[in-house]
Each structure stands twice: as structure tokens, then as C-alpha cells.
Amino acid sequence: MRQGSRSISHLAKQASSTEPTQTNQNLPISNILNHAWQLKRNGRKDSTITTATARLKRLNKLCDINDPEAVKTTIALAQWKTNTKHLITKIYKGYLKSINKTWTEPQYNREFTPPYIPTEQEIDNLIASARPTTATLIQLLKETGARIGEIAPLEWSQIDTTRLTITIKAEKNSNSRILPITPKLAAMLNNIPKENNKVFQTPTHGIRNTFMELRNRTAKKLNNPKLLQIHLHTFRHWKGTMEYHETKSIMHVKQILGHKSINSTIIYIDIEAAIFQQINDKWICEVAHNENEEKELINAGFEHINNRAELSFYRKRK
């Protein structure tokens, strides 16, 4: 079991064994840790438990967390984004259930904000500025589109540098998948010291901190503030957008990203259209008169538009 998991289990077990004579001041913290232990027993991931516990502790500093109406007022008045209020509301609903309380849940609907999609050069600039292990991790995120929660616990047994494949073990409600990697990434992986069965020795929060420092430093060095919009999840959005741009197959993107529902994937249709039509909306049109000409156009990257009589029409962006 990983260290984060042991820590959560230990704290939660401590809370569940606390004597009833505890003070009112300690009661909310005990309840929070009890809730964490319930989440653990129900099979929730360590990252989910850590996020919920941190949010609840922060809320407890702002109001009486055991008073639903006080919590509702605090959330309403807080200068938080709507998506943050939505998340905290859902977390608090689970907490109330664990202490046998209910509330009239406020409605904060999630707002979709299109993610920033960096250029490949901006990603490569980050890789070039990073130390070898961090550079390898970013290259992995770039090539696979995997979540950091799928890459951080990666084991050497999941990587085949001979066949150039990597097995991604699913996180959340996703599908596991086997994806190709480039010889460049295989070489970078082979240069990482094999201390144990894990590829990366730093826990997820440490990886995030290291990346933020790298990103901020590189943005200042290159005088490119757009780099500050890049997060570890940005590489997943970049991969989904690029794969759809190259293939125009949303089912292919769904498989690459491991989505179980196409509803999680279709955002990349709009993102790709917004990015690439603004950059270039001019086309080269060709007509194929026979099967050989069709093959040549397809091999050259043209996409089929329609047929008329015995002619097949294709196009490709300039």
C-alpha cells in the first residue's frame, strides 16, 4: 500500500476510535476523519479522499461545518468560482450523509470553460527546460494523454520499450488501454534509474509542485505568460485535440483517452474546430477518378468529402 493510503487509513482509524468525551472543538475534525475512513472503505481513490478532506477542513475554518445553513451561507458569500462551489457542495453532501444529516442542496451548475491548448513548441519548451525525470514524465503525458493519476503510480512492468507500448491502468471511470510510444520516449524512460518497481518515486502532490515551479520558471525565462495556463491535465486536452485533428475520428480519441462515454470526448470536436479553423480555413481540393488515385490522395492526407457519379472528391487544409 502506498504511503498516502497508509496515512489516510491511520488518521481515519484514529478518528473512528476517539472517545465520545471529546470537546466540541475537536468534533468536526473527528467527523471529517471518520468521513475519510468511510470513503476509504467504500473504495474511493486516495486522491479523492485527500481532496475531500482538504476542502472540508478549509470549510471548517470558515464556519461550523456541522451546521448546514451556516455552510450554505458561507459558500454563497465566498469569492469562489462557480465550479469550486459546485465541487464543495457535492463534497459536503457526502459529509452530511456520513453524520446522518441532510440539507436543501444549493444549485451551482458546472460551467464549461474551454481549456487552453498550447502549441507543441510550448510543450517542447517545457520538456527542454526540465530535469530528465520531469522531462520524461511530461513527454509521457504528451504522447499518451493519460491523467497524472494514471502516470504517477506507473510501474516498469507496464512499459515495453522493445515493442514501444505502454499499458495505462484506468483511473476513475475510465478504460485501461495499451498505447504506442515513440522511440524518443522509450530512450528517455531507459535513462531513468530503476530504484524499484515504480517509474516515478515522487507522489502526485510532489509532481504537481515540481511542475508548477518548472512552468513558472520557464514562462519567465522565455517571456511567455501563456505557459502559466498549462497544467498537468492540459496535456490530456492537447492530446485529445491533436488526435481528433489528425484523424477526425471521435471514436479513436475516445479509445486513446480511455473514456467510457462519448459525451466526455465530444468536446474535442469544438476545440479542434475553434483552434484550427482560426489558424487556417483554406483548402486544397482534389478529384479522384479511380481507385489508385483515391489511395494516393488518402496516403497524402486528404479526407473524403463525397461522391458524384464515378468521381470522388477529397480535401486537405493548405
C-alpha atoms as a PDB file:
ATOM      1  CA  MET A   1       0.000   0.000   0.000  1.00  0.00           C
ATOM      2  CA  ARG A   2       1.281   3.490  -0.873  1.00  0.00           C
ATOM      3  CA  GLN A   3       2.279   5.939   1.832  1.00  0.00           C
ATOM      4  CA  GLY A   4      -0.640   8.291   1.119  1.00  0.00           C
ATOM      5  CA  SER A   5      -3.060   5.406   1.559  1.00  0.00           C
ATOM      6  CA  ARG A   6      -1.474   4.376   4.875  1.00  0.00           C
ATOM      7  CA  SER A   7      -1.674   7.957   6.156  1.00  0.00           C
ATOM      8  CA  ILE A   8      -5.358   8.304   5.304  1.00  0.00           C
ATOM      9  CA  SER A   9      -6.211   4.946   6.839  1.00  0.00           C
ATOM     10  CA  HIS A  10      -4.245   5.716  10.007  1.00  0.00           C
ATOM     11  CA  LEU A  11      -5.888   9.092  10.584  1.00  0.00           C
ATOM     12  CA  ALA A  12      -9.350   7.775   9.836  1.00  0.00           C
ATOM     13  CA  LYS A  13      -8.909   4.799  12.175  1.00  0.00           C
ATOM     14  CA  GLN A  14      -7.775   7.199  14.863  1.00  0.00           C
ATOM     15  CA  ALA A  15     -10.931   9.234  14.409  1.00  0.00           C
ATOM     16  CA  SER A  16     -13.200   6.194  14.496  1.00  0.00           C
ATOM     17  CA  SER A  17     -11.689   5.106  17.835  1.00  0.00           C
ATOM     18  CA  THR A  18     -11.909   8.520  19.530  1.00  0.00           C
ATOM     19  CA  GLU A  19     -13.771   8.551  22.847  1.00  0.00           C
ATOM     20  CA  PRO A  20     -17.205  10.233  22.981  1.00  0.00           C
ATOM     21  CA  THR A  21     -15.939  12.661  25.645  1.00  0.00           C
ATOM     22  CA  GLN A  22     -14.046  14.734  23.084  1.00  0.00           C
ATOM     23  CA  THR A  23     -14.669  18.512  23.070  1.00  0.00           C
ATOM     24  CA  ASN A  24     -16.994  20.240  20.613  1.00  0.00           C
ATOM     25  CA  GLN A  25     -13.959  21.923  19.094  1.00  0.00           C
ATOM     26  CA  ASN A  26     -12.495  18.573  18.083  1.00  0.00           C
ATOM     27  CA  LEU A  27     -15.786  17.052  16.937  1.00  0.00           C
ATOM     28  CA  PRO A  28     -15.797  18.445  13.368  1.00  0.00           C
ATOM     29  CA  ILE A  29     -12.232  17.246  12.731  1.00  0.00           C
ATOM     30  CA  SER A  30     -13.102  13.826  14.102  1.00  0.00           C
ATOM     31  CA  ASN A  31     -16.175  13.725  11.848  1.00  0.00           C
ATOM     32  CA  ILE A  32     -14.094  14.707   8.836  1.00  0.00           C
ATOM     33  CA  LEU A  33     -11.586  11.940   9.505  1.00  0.00           C
ATOM     34  CA  ASN A  34     -14.380   9.454  10.082  1.00  0.00           C
ATOM     35  CA  HIS A  35     -15.789  10.502   6.715  1.00  0.00           C
ATOM     36  CA  ALA A  36     -12.369   9.957   5.129  1.00  0.00           C
ATOM     37  CA  TRP A  37     -12.284   6.449   6.551  1.00  0.00           C
ATOM     38  CA  GLN A  38     -15.764   5.730   5.186  1.00  0.00           C
ATOM     39  CA  LEU A  39     -14.638   6.870   1.747  1.00  0.00           C
ATOM     40  CA  LYS A  40     -11.620   4.587   2.015  1.00  0.00           C
ATOM     41  CA  ARG A  41     -13.765   1.589   2.970  1.00  0.00           C
ATOM     42  CA  ASN A  42     -16.091   2.354   0.071  1.00  0.00           C
ATOM     43  CA  GLY A  43     -13.195   2.045  -2.352  1.00  0.00           C
ATOM     44  CA  ARG A  44     -12.693   5.706  -3.208  1.00  0.00           C
ATOM     45  CA  LYS A  45      -9.269   6.635  -4.517  1.00  0.00           C
ATOM     46  CA  ASP A  46      -6.683   8.275  -2.254  1.00  0.00           C
ATOM     47  CA  SER A  47      -6.669  11.415  -4.429  1.00  0.00           C
ATOM     48  CA  THR A  48     -10.448  11.750  -3.991  1.00  0.00           C
ATOM     49  CA  ILE A  49     -10.182  11.291  -0.224  1.00  0.00           C
ATOM     50  CA  THR A  50      -7.341  13.792   0.076  1.00  0.00           C
ATOM     51  CA  THR A  51      -9.240  16.428  -1.922  1.00  0.00           C
ATOM     52  CA  ALA A  52     -12.441  15.930   0.098  1.00  0.00           C
ATOM     53  CA  THR A  53     -10.619  16.087   3.429  1.00  0.00           C
ATOM     54  CA  ALA A  54      -8.724  19.257   2.483  1.00  0.00           C
ATOM     55  CA  ARG A  55     -11.888  21.001   1.281  1.00  0.00           C
ATOM     56  CA  LEU A  56     -13.828  20.064   4.401  1.00  0.00           C
ATOM     57  CA  LYS A  57     -11.041  21.231   6.724  1.00  0.00           C
ATOM     58  CA  ARG A  58     -10.908  24.554   4.886  1.00  0.00           C
ATOM     59  CA  LEU A  59     -14.683  24.902   5.172  1.00  0.00           C
ATOM     60  CA  ASN A  60     -14.480  24.083   8.883  1.00  0.00           C
ATOM     61  CA  LYS A  61     -12.172  27.073   9.407  1.00  0.00           C
ATOM     62  CA  LEU A  62     -14.770  29.396   7.873  1.00  0.00           C
ATOM     63  CA  CYS A  63     -17.890  28.212   9.685  1.00  0.00           C
ATOM     64  CA  ASP A  64     -19.466  25.496  11.817  1.00  0.00           C
ATOM     65  CA  ILE A  65     -19.245  22.601   9.420  1.00  0.00           C
ATOM     66  CA  ASN A  66     -21.931  20.683  11.303  1.00  0.00           C
ATOM     67  CA  ASP A  67     -24.461  23.471  10.661  1.00  0.00           C
ATOM     68  CA  PRO A  68     -25.760  23.060   7.069  1.00  0.00           C
ATOM     69  CA  GLU A  69     -27.328  26.519   6.956  1.00  0.00           C
ATOM     70  CA  ALA A  70     -24.075  28.160   8.085  1.00  0.00           C
ATOM     71  CA  VAL A  71     -22.216  26.204   5.414  1.00  0.00           C
ATOM     72  CA  LYS A  72     -24.753  27.233   2.762  1.00  0.00           C
ATOM     73  CA  THR A  73     -24.309  30.901   3.681  1.00  0.00           C
ATOM     74  CA  THR A  74     -20.507  30.583   3.664  1.00  0.00           C
ATOM     75  CA  ILE A  75     -20.484  29.020   0.209  1.00  0.00           C
ATOM     76  CA  ALA A  76     -22.891  31.650  -1.131  1.00  0.00           C
ATOM     77  CA  LEU A  77     -20.780  34.574   0.124  1.00  0.00           C
ATOM     78  CA  ALA A  78     -17.366  33.102  -0.732  1.00  0.00           C
ATOM     79  CA  GLN A  79     -15.468  34.633  -3.626  1.00  0.00           C
ATOM     80  CA  TRP A  80     -15.064  31.237  -5.311  1.00  0.00           C
ATOM     81  CA  LYS A  81     -15.670  30.243  -8.900  1.00  0.00           C
ATOM     82  CA  THR A  82     -18.974  28.540  -9.635  1.00  0.00           C
ATOM     83  CA  ASN A  83     -17.191  25.265 -10.398  1.00  0.00           C
ATOM     84  CA  THR A  84     -15.472  25.403  -6.991  1.00  0.00           C
ATOM     85  CA  LYS A  85     -18.809  25.964  -5.258  1.00  0.00           C
ATOM     86  CA  HIS A  86     -20.277  23.049  -7.207  1.00  0.00           C
ATOM     87  CA  LEU A  87     -17.427  20.770  -6.084  1.00  0.00           C
ATOM     88  CA  ILE A  88     -17.590  21.811  -2.419  1.00  0.00           C
ATOM     89  CA  THR A  89     -21.375  21.367  -2.405  1.00  0.00           C
ATOM     90  CA  LYS A  90     -21.027  17.780  -3.632  1.00  0.00           C
ATOM     91  CA  ILE A  91     -18.264  17.023  -1.112  1.00  0.00           C
ATOM     92  CA  TYR A  92     -20.280  18.496   1.747  1.00  0.00           C
ATOM     93  CA  LYS A  93     -23.351  16.488   0.736  1.00  0.00           C
ATOM     94  CA  GLY A  94     -21.309  13.305   1.223  1.00  0.00           C
ATOM     95  CA  TYR A  95     -20.037  14.568   4.566  1.00  0.00           C
ATOM     96  CA  LEU A  96     -23.571  15.275   5.813  1.00  0.00           C
ATOM     97  CA  LYS A  97     -24.646  11.766   4.865  1.00  0.00           C
ATOM     98  CA  SER A  98     -21.794  10.353   6.948  1.00  0.00           C
ATOM     99  CA  ILE A  99     -23.053  12.218  10.065  1.00  0.00           C
ATOM    100  CA  ASN A 100     -26.708  11.379   9.338  1.00  0.00           C
ATOM    101  CA  LYS A 101     -27.758  14.900   8.387  1.00  0.00           C
ATOM    102  CA  THR A 102     -29.394  16.343   5.277  1.00  0.00           C
ATOM    103  CA  TRP A 103     -29.834  19.768   3.726  1.00  0.00           C
ATOM    104  CA  THR A 104     -31.567  21.539   0.870  1.00  0.00           C
ATOM    105  CA  GLU A 105     -28.665  21.479  -1.532  1.00  0.00           C
ATOM    106  CA  PRO A 106     -27.883  24.796  -3.268  1.00  0.00           C
ATOM    107  CA  GLN A 107     -27.657  24.615  -7.033  1.00  0.00           C
ATOM    108  CA  TYR A 108     -24.310  25.572  -8.541  1.00  0.00           C
ATOM    109  CA  ASN A 109     -24.145  24.216 -12.063  1.00  0.00           C
ATOM    110  CA  ARG A 110     -20.731  23.487 -13.504  1.00  0.00           C
ATOM    111  CA  GLU A 111     -19.601  25.952 -16.136  1.00  0.00           C
ATOM    112  CA  PHE A 112     -17.548  24.692 -19.044  1.00  0.00           C
ATOM    113  CA  THR A 113     -14.506  26.838 -19.710  1.00  0.00           C
ATOM    114  CA  PRO A 114     -12.630  25.825 -22.865  1.00  0.00           C
ATOM    115  CA  PRO A 115      -9.164  24.644 -21.817  1.00  0.00           C
ATOM    116  CA  TYR A 116      -6.041  26.329 -23.061  1.00  0.00           C
ATOM    117  CA  ILE A 117      -4.432  24.239 -25.802  1.00  0.00           C
ATOM    118  CA  PRO A 118      -0.715  25.054 -26.048  1.00  0.00           C
ATOM    119  CA  THR A 119       1.325  24.729 -29.191  1.00  0.00           C
ATOM    120  CA  GLU A 120       3.590  21.725 -29.483  1.00  0.00           C
ATOM    121  CA  GLN A 121       6.545  24.098 -29.345  1.00  0.00           C
ATOM    122  CA  GLU A 122       5.394  25.399 -25.955  1.00  0.00           C
ATOM    123  CA  ILE A 123       5.168  21.838 -24.625  1.00  0.00           C
ATOM    124  CA  ASP A 124       8.592  21.015 -26.019  1.00  0.00           C
ATOM    125  CA  ASN A 125       9.989  24.156 -24.391  1.00  0.00           C
ATOM    126  CA  LEU A 126       8.836  22.856 -21.007  1.00  0.00           C
ATOM    127  CA  ILE A 127      10.377  19.456 -21.708  1.00  0.00           C
ATOM    128  CA  ALA A 128      13.675  21.046 -22.763  1.00  0.00           C
ATOM    129  CA  SER A 129      13.772  23.131 -19.576  1.00  0.00           C
ATOM    130  CA  ALA A 130      13.046  20.222 -17.229  1.00  0.00           C
ATOM    131  CA  ARG A 131      15.373  17.816 -15.488  1.00  0.00           C
ATOM    132  CA  PRO A 132      15.469  14.318 -17.041  1.00  0.00           C
ATOM    133  CA  THR A 133      12.842  12.628 -14.859  1.00  0.00           C
ATOM    134  CA  THR A 134      10.367  15.511 -15.088  1.00  0.00           C
ATOM    135  CA  ALA A 135      11.026  15.831 -18.820  1.00  0.00           C
ATOM    136  CA  THR A 136      10.228  12.134 -19.225  1.00  0.00           C
ATOM    137  CA  LEU A 137       7.007  12.496 -17.273  1.00  0.00           C
ATOM    138  CA  ILE A 138       5.853  15.431 -19.428  1.00  0.00           C
ATOM    139  CA  GLN A 139       6.759  13.531 -22.595  1.00  0.00           C
ATOM    140  CA  LEU A 140       4.630  10.636 -21.294  1.00  0.00           C
ATOM    141  CA  LEU A 141       1.674  12.923 -20.675  1.00  0.00           C
ATOM    142  CA  LYS A 142       2.117  14.478 -24.111  1.00  0.00           C
ATOM    143  CA  GLU A 143       2.252  11.181 -26.007  1.00  0.00           C
ATOM    144  CA  THR A 144      -0.430   9.272 -24.117  1.00  0.00           C
ATOM    145  CA  GLY A 145      -2.921  11.900 -22.962  1.00  0.00           C
ATOM    146  CA  ALA A 146      -3.130   9.981 -19.677  1.00  0.00           C
ATOM    147  CA  ARG A 147      -4.184  11.575 -16.418  1.00  0.00           C
ATOM    148  CA  ILE A 148      -1.475  12.332 -13.880  1.00  0.00           C
ATOM    149  CA  GLY A 149      -3.256   9.876 -11.562  1.00  0.00           C
ATOM    150  CA  GLU A 150      -2.560   7.167 -14.146  1.00  0.00           C
ATOM    151  CA  ILE A 151       1.070   8.160 -14.744  1.00  0.00           C
ATOM    152  CA  ALA A 152       2.247   8.914 -11.179  1.00  0.00           C
ATOM    153  CA  PRO A 153       1.859   5.273  -9.975  1.00  0.00           C
ATOM    154  CA  LEU A 154       3.239   3.847 -13.245  1.00  0.00           C
ATOM    155  CA  GLU A 155       5.297   0.662 -12.855  1.00  0.00           C
ATOM    156  CA  TRP A 156       8.089  -0.631 -15.067  1.00  0.00           C
ATOM    157  CA  SER A 157       6.049  -3.743 -15.850  1.00  0.00           C
ATOM    158  CA  GLN A 158       3.576  -1.529 -17.719  1.00  0.00           C
ATOM    159  CA  ILE A 159       6.221  -0.355 -20.180  1.00  0.00           C
ATOM    160  CA  ASP A 160       7.580  -2.323 -23.136  1.00  0.00           C
ATOM    161  CA  THR A 161      10.423  -0.325 -24.673  1.00  0.00           C
ATOM    162  CA  THR A 162      11.076  -3.106 -27.196  1.00  0.00           C
ATOM    163  CA  ARG A 163       7.575  -3.152 -28.659  1.00  0.00           C
ATOM    164  CA  LEU A 164       7.180   0.564 -27.906  1.00  0.00           C
ATOM    165  CA  THR A 165       3.951   0.244 -25.938  1.00  0.00           C
ATOM    166  CA  ILE A 166       2.656   1.330 -22.551  1.00  0.00           C
ATOM    167  CA  THR A 167      -0.261  -0.082 -20.588  1.00  0.00           C
ATOM    168  CA  ILE A 168      -2.346   2.586 -18.884  1.00  0.00           C
ATOM    169  CA  LYS A 169      -4.268   1.326 -15.861  1.00  0.00           C
ATOM    170  CA  ALA A 170      -7.511   3.249 -15.696  1.00  0.00           C
ATOM    171  CA  GLU A 171      -8.284   5.893 -13.114  1.00  0.00           C
ATOM    172  CA  LYS A 172     -11.788   6.992 -12.176  1.00  0.00           C
ATOM    173  CA  ASN A 173     -14.477   5.601 -14.500  1.00  0.00           C
ATOM    174  CA  SER A 174     -12.180   5.118 -17.464  1.00  0.00           C
ATOM    175  CA  ASN A 175     -10.992   2.178 -19.523  1.00  0.00           C
ATOM    176  CA  SER A 176      -7.498   0.744 -19.310  1.00  0.00           C
ATOM    177  CA  ARG A 177      -5.668   0.771 -22.621  1.00  0.00           C
ATOM    178  CA  ILE A 178      -2.424  -0.101 -24.407  1.00  0.00           C
ATOM    179  CA  LEU A 179      -0.913   2.820 -26.302  1.00  0.00           C
ATOM    180  CA  PRO A 180       2.110   3.250 -28.571  1.00  0.00           C
ATOM    181  CA  ILE A 181       5.107   5.339 -27.532  1.00  0.00           C
ATOM    182  CA  THR A 182       7.871   6.835 -29.637  1.00  0.00           C
ATOM    183  CA  PRO A 183      11.490   5.654 -29.685  1.00  0.00           C
ATOM    184  CA  LYS A 184      12.356   9.054 -28.185  1.00  0.00           C
ATOM    185  CA  LEU A 185      10.186   8.402 -25.130  1.00  0.00           C
ATOM    186  CA  ALA A 186      11.497   4.829 -24.826  1.00  0.00           C
ATOM    187  CA  ALA A 187      15.049   6.178 -24.712  1.00  0.00           C
ATOM    188  CA  MET A 188      14.100   8.752 -22.067  1.00  0.00           C
ATOM    189  CA  LEU A 189      12.498   6.019 -19.944  1.00  0.00           C
ATOM    190  CA  ASN A 190      15.546   3.787 -20.264  1.00  0.00           C
ATOM    191  CA  ASN A 191      17.690   6.587 -18.835  1.00  0.00           C
ATOM    192  CA  ILE A 192      15.673   6.784 -15.584  1.00  0.00           C
ATOM    193  CA  PRO A 193      17.326   4.865 -12.724  1.00  0.00           C
ATOM    194  CA  LYS A 194      15.308   1.778 -11.768  1.00  0.00           C
ATOM    195  CA  GLU A 195      15.217   2.106  -7.972  1.00  0.00           C
ATOM    196  CA  ASN A 196      12.212  -0.178  -7.524  1.00  0.00           C
ATOM    197  CA  ASN A 197       9.114  -1.290  -9.437  1.00  0.00           C
ATOM    198  CA  LYS A 198       7.818   2.284  -9.722  1.00  0.00           C
ATOM    199  CA  VAL A 199       8.957   4.555 -12.561  1.00  0.00           C
ATOM    200  CA  PHE A 200       8.444   7.815 -10.642  1.00  0.00           C
ATOM    201  CA  GLN A 201       9.331   7.975  -6.951  1.00  0.00           C
ATOM    202  CA  THR A 202       7.632  11.295  -6.155  1.00  0.00           C
ATOM    203  CA  PRO A 203       3.967  11.263  -5.009  1.00  0.00           C
ATOM    204  CA  THR A 204       1.369  13.100  -7.081  1.00  0.00           C
ATOM    205  CA  HIS A 205       1.353  16.303  -4.997  1.00  0.00           C
ATOM    206  CA  GLY A 206       5.146  16.477  -5.276  1.00  0.00           C
ATOM    207  CA  ILE A 207       4.946  16.042  -9.050  1.00  0.00           C
ATOM    208  CA  ARG A 208       2.433  18.895  -9.237  1.00  0.00           C
ATOM    209  CA  ASN A 209       4.661  21.206  -7.190  1.00  0.00           C
ATOM    210  CA  THR A 210       7.724  20.397  -9.288  1.00  0.00           C
ATOM    211  CA  PHE A 211       5.793  21.011 -12.495  1.00  0.00           C
ATOM    212  CA  MET A 212       4.403  24.346 -11.286  1.00  0.00           C
ATOM    213  CA  GLU A 213       7.905  25.544 -10.400  1.00  0.00           C
ATOM    214  CA  LEU A 214       9.183  24.438 -13.816  1.00  0.00           C
ATOM    215  CA  ARG A 215       6.288  26.093 -15.633  1.00  0.00           C
ATOM    216  CA  ASN A 216       6.639  29.402 -13.777  1.00  0.00           C
ATOM    217  CA  ARG A 217      10.399  29.465 -14.245  1.00  0.00           C
ATOM    218  CA  THR A 218      10.161  28.674 -17.961  1.00  0.00           C
ATOM    219  CA  ALA A 219       7.413  31.239 -18.559  1.00  0.00           C
ATOM    220  CA  LYS A 220       9.603  33.939 -17.024  1.00  0.00           C
ATOM    221  CA  LYS A 221      12.740  32.797 -18.833  1.00  0.00           C
ATOM    222  CA  LEU A 222      11.038  32.720 -22.257  1.00  0.00           C
ATOM    223  CA  ASN A 223       8.866  35.762 -21.508  1.00  0.00           C
ATOM    224  CA  ASN A 224       5.815  33.706 -22.465  1.00  0.00           C
ATOM    225  CA  PRO A 225       2.955  34.185 -19.943  1.00  0.00           C
ATOM    226  CA  LYS A 226       0.785  31.744 -21.910  1.00  0.00           C
ATOM    227  CA  LEU A 227       2.799  28.931 -20.333  1.00  0.00           C
ATOM    228  CA  LEU A 228       1.207  29.826 -17.000  1.00  0.00           C
ATOM    229  CA  GLN A 229      -2.077  28.448 -18.346  1.00  0.00           C
ATOM    230  CA  ILE A 230      -0.597  24.950 -18.687  1.00  0.00           C
ATOM    231  CA  HIS A 231      -1.443  22.405 -16.004  1.00  0.00           C
ATOM    232  CA  LEU A 232      -0.746  18.677 -15.846  1.00  0.00           C
ATOM    233  CA  HIS A 233      -4.235  17.980 -17.229  1.00  0.00           C
ATOM    234  CA  THR A 234      -3.577  20.351 -20.152  1.00  0.00           C
ATOM    235  CA  PHE A 235      -1.523  17.678 -21.914  1.00  0.00           C
ATOM    236  CA  ARG A 236      -4.591  15.410 -21.951  1.00  0.00           C
ATOM    237  CA  HIS A 237      -6.624  18.148 -23.628  1.00  0.00           C
ATOM    238  CA  TRP A 238      -3.787  18.764 -26.093  1.00  0.00           C
ATOM    239  CA  LYS A 239      -3.599  15.061 -26.983  1.00  0.00           C
ATOM    240  CA  GLY A 240      -7.357  14.759 -27.476  1.00  0.00           C
ATOM    241  CA  THR A 241      -7.419  17.845 -29.694  1.00  0.00           C
ATOM    242  CA  MET A 242      -4.434  16.774 -31.802  1.00  0.00           C
ATOM    243  CA  GLU A 243      -5.689  13.208 -32.251  1.00  0.00           C
ATOM    244  CA  TYR A 244      -9.056  14.450 -33.453  1.00  0.00           C
ATOM    245  CA  HIS A 245      -7.405  16.955 -35.783  1.00  0.00           C
ATOM    246  CA  GLU A 246      -5.297  14.230 -37.371  1.00  0.00           C
ATOM    247  CA  THR A 247      -7.954  11.512 -37.617  1.00  0.00           C
ATOM    248  CA  LYS A 248     -11.363  13.287 -37.483  1.00  0.00           C
ATOM    249  CA  SER A 249     -12.470  10.149 -35.619  1.00  0.00           C
ATOM    250  CA  ILE A 250     -14.071  10.881 -32.267  1.00  0.00           C
ATOM    251  CA  MET A 251     -14.223   7.133 -31.553  1.00  0.00           C
ATOM    252  CA  HIS A 252     -10.442   6.956 -31.962  1.00  0.00           C
ATOM    253  CA  VAL A 253      -9.987   9.817 -29.489  1.00  0.00           C
ATOM    254  CA  LYS A 254     -12.375   8.096 -27.071  1.00  0.00           C
ATOM    255  CA  GLN A 255     -10.206   4.956 -27.160  1.00  0.00           C
ATOM    256  CA  ILE A 256      -6.929   6.864 -26.738  1.00  0.00           C
ATOM    257  CA  LEU A 257      -8.192   8.789 -23.711  1.00  0.00           C
ATOM    258  CA  GLY A 258      -9.946   5.771 -22.201  1.00  0.00           C
ATOM    259  CA  HIS A 259     -13.343   7.450 -21.942  1.00  0.00           C
ATOM    260  CA  LYS A 260     -16.272   5.158 -21.208  1.00  0.00           C
ATOM    261  CA  SER A 261     -18.785   7.641 -22.572  1.00  0.00           C
ATOM    262  CA  ILE A 262     -18.559   9.525 -25.859  1.00  0.00           C
ATOM    263  CA  ASN A 263     -20.061  12.502 -24.013  1.00  0.00           C
ATOM    264  CA  SER A 264     -16.684  13.015 -22.340  1.00  0.00           C
ATOM    265  CA  THR A 265     -14.941  13.092 -25.722  1.00  0.00           C
ATOM    266  CA  ILE A 266     -17.065  15.264 -27.987  1.00  0.00           C
ATOM    267  CA  ILE A 267     -15.677  18.499 -26.519  1.00  0.00           C
ATOM    268  CA  TYR A 268     -12.592  17.945 -28.696  1.00  0.00           C
ATOM    269  CA  ILE A 269     -14.662  18.410 -31.867  1.00  0.00           C
ATOM    270  CA  ASP A 270     -15.443  22.014 -30.907  1.00  0.00           C
ATOM    271  CA  ILE A 271     -11.970  22.698 -29.513  1.00  0.00           C
ATOM    272  CA  GLU A 272     -10.284  21.406 -32.667  1.00  0.00           C
ATOM    273  CA  ALA A 273     -12.602  23.421 -34.909  1.00  0.00           C
ATOM    274  CA  ALA A 274     -12.026  26.606 -32.930  1.00  0.00           C
ATOM    275  CA  ILE A 275      -8.239  26.267 -32.967  1.00  0.00           C
ATOM    276  CA  PHE A 276      -7.510  25.087 -36.486  1.00  0.00           C
ATOM    277  CA  GLN A 277     -10.182  26.938 -38.453  1.00  0.00           C
ATOM    278  CA  GLN A 278      -8.917  30.183 -36.975  1.00  0.00           C
ATOM    279  CA  ILE A 279      -5.386  29.308 -37.975  1.00  0.00           C
ATOM    280  CA  ASN A 280      -6.193  28.122 -41.471  1.00  0.00           C
ATOM    281  CA  ASP A 281      -9.506  27.826 -43.267  1.00  0.00           C
ATOM    282  CA  LYS A 282      -8.148  27.353 -46.788  1.00  0.00           C
ATOM    283  CA  TRP A 283      -8.361  24.016 -48.545  1.00  0.00           C
ATOM    284  CA  ILE A 284      -6.802  22.119 -51.430  1.00  0.00           C
ATOM    285  CA  CYS A 285      -9.464  20.173 -53.336  1.00  0.00           C
ATOM    286  CA  GLU A 286      -8.748  17.126 -55.499  1.00  0.00           C
ATOM    287  CA  VAL A 287     -10.846  14.725 -57.563  1.00  0.00           C
ATOM    288  CA  ALA A 288     -10.092  11.001 -57.771  1.00  0.00           C
ATOM    289  CA  HIS A 289     -11.145   9.238 -60.961  1.00  0.00           C
ATOM    290  CA  ASN A 290     -10.226   5.708 -59.942  1.00  0.00           C
ATOM    291  CA  GLU A 291      -9.187   3.524 -57.009  1.00  0.00           C
ATOM    292  CA  ASN A 292      -5.447   4.185 -57.418  1.00  0.00           C
ATOM    293  CA  GLU A 293      -5.948   7.951 -57.323  1.00  0.00           C
ATOM    294  CA  GLU A 294      -8.107   7.565 -54.203  1.00  0.00           C
ATOM    295  CA  LYS A 295      -5.326   5.622 -52.478  1.00  0.00           C
ATOM    296  CA  GLU A 296      -2.763   8.261 -53.423  1.00  0.00           C
ATOM    297  CA  LEU A 297      -4.919  11.075 -52.028  1.00  0.00           C
ATOM    298  CA  ILE A 298      -5.607   9.204 -48.801  1.00  0.00           C
ATOM    299  CA  ASN A 299      -1.888   8.459 -48.347  1.00  0.00           C
ATOM    300  CA  ALA A 300      -1.206  12.169 -48.871  1.00  0.00           C
ATOM    301  CA  GLY A 301      -3.518  13.074 -46.007  1.00  0.00           C
ATOM    302  CA  PHE A 302      -6.623  14.098 -47.954  1.00  0.00           C
ATOM    303  CA  GLU A 303     -10.050  13.432 -46.446  1.00  0.00           C
ATOM    304  CA  HIS A 304     -13.008  12.142 -48.453  1.00  0.00           C
ATOM    305  CA  ILE A 305     -15.934  14.586 -48.838  1.00  0.00           C
ATOM    306  CA  ASN A 306     -18.445  12.978 -51.203  1.00  0.00           C
ATOM    307  CA  ASN A 307     -19.000  11.163 -54.487  1.00  0.00           C
ATOM    308  CA  ARG A 308     -20.668  12.303 -57.672  1.00  0.00           C
ATOM    309  CA  ALA A 309     -21.186   9.827 -60.484  1.00  0.00           C
ATOM    310  CA  GLU A 310     -17.839   7.987 -60.739  1.00  0.00           C
ATOM    311  CA  LEU A 311     -15.835  10.791 -59.158  1.00  0.00           C
ATOM    312  CA  SER A 312     -14.640  11.012 -55.532  1.00  0.00           C
ATOM    313  CA  PHE A 313     -13.943  14.407 -54.006  1.00  0.00           C
ATOM    314  CA  TYR A 314     -11.246  14.989 -51.397  1.00  0.00           C
ATOM    315  CA  ARG A 315      -9.868  17.963 -49.495  1.00  0.00           C
ATOM    316  CA  LYS A 316      -6.897  18.899 -47.328  1.00  0.00           C
ATOM    317  CA  ARG A 317      -6.063  22.076 -45.456  1.00  0.00           C
ATOM    318  CA  LYS A 318      -3.309  24.181 -47.002  1.00  0.00           C
END
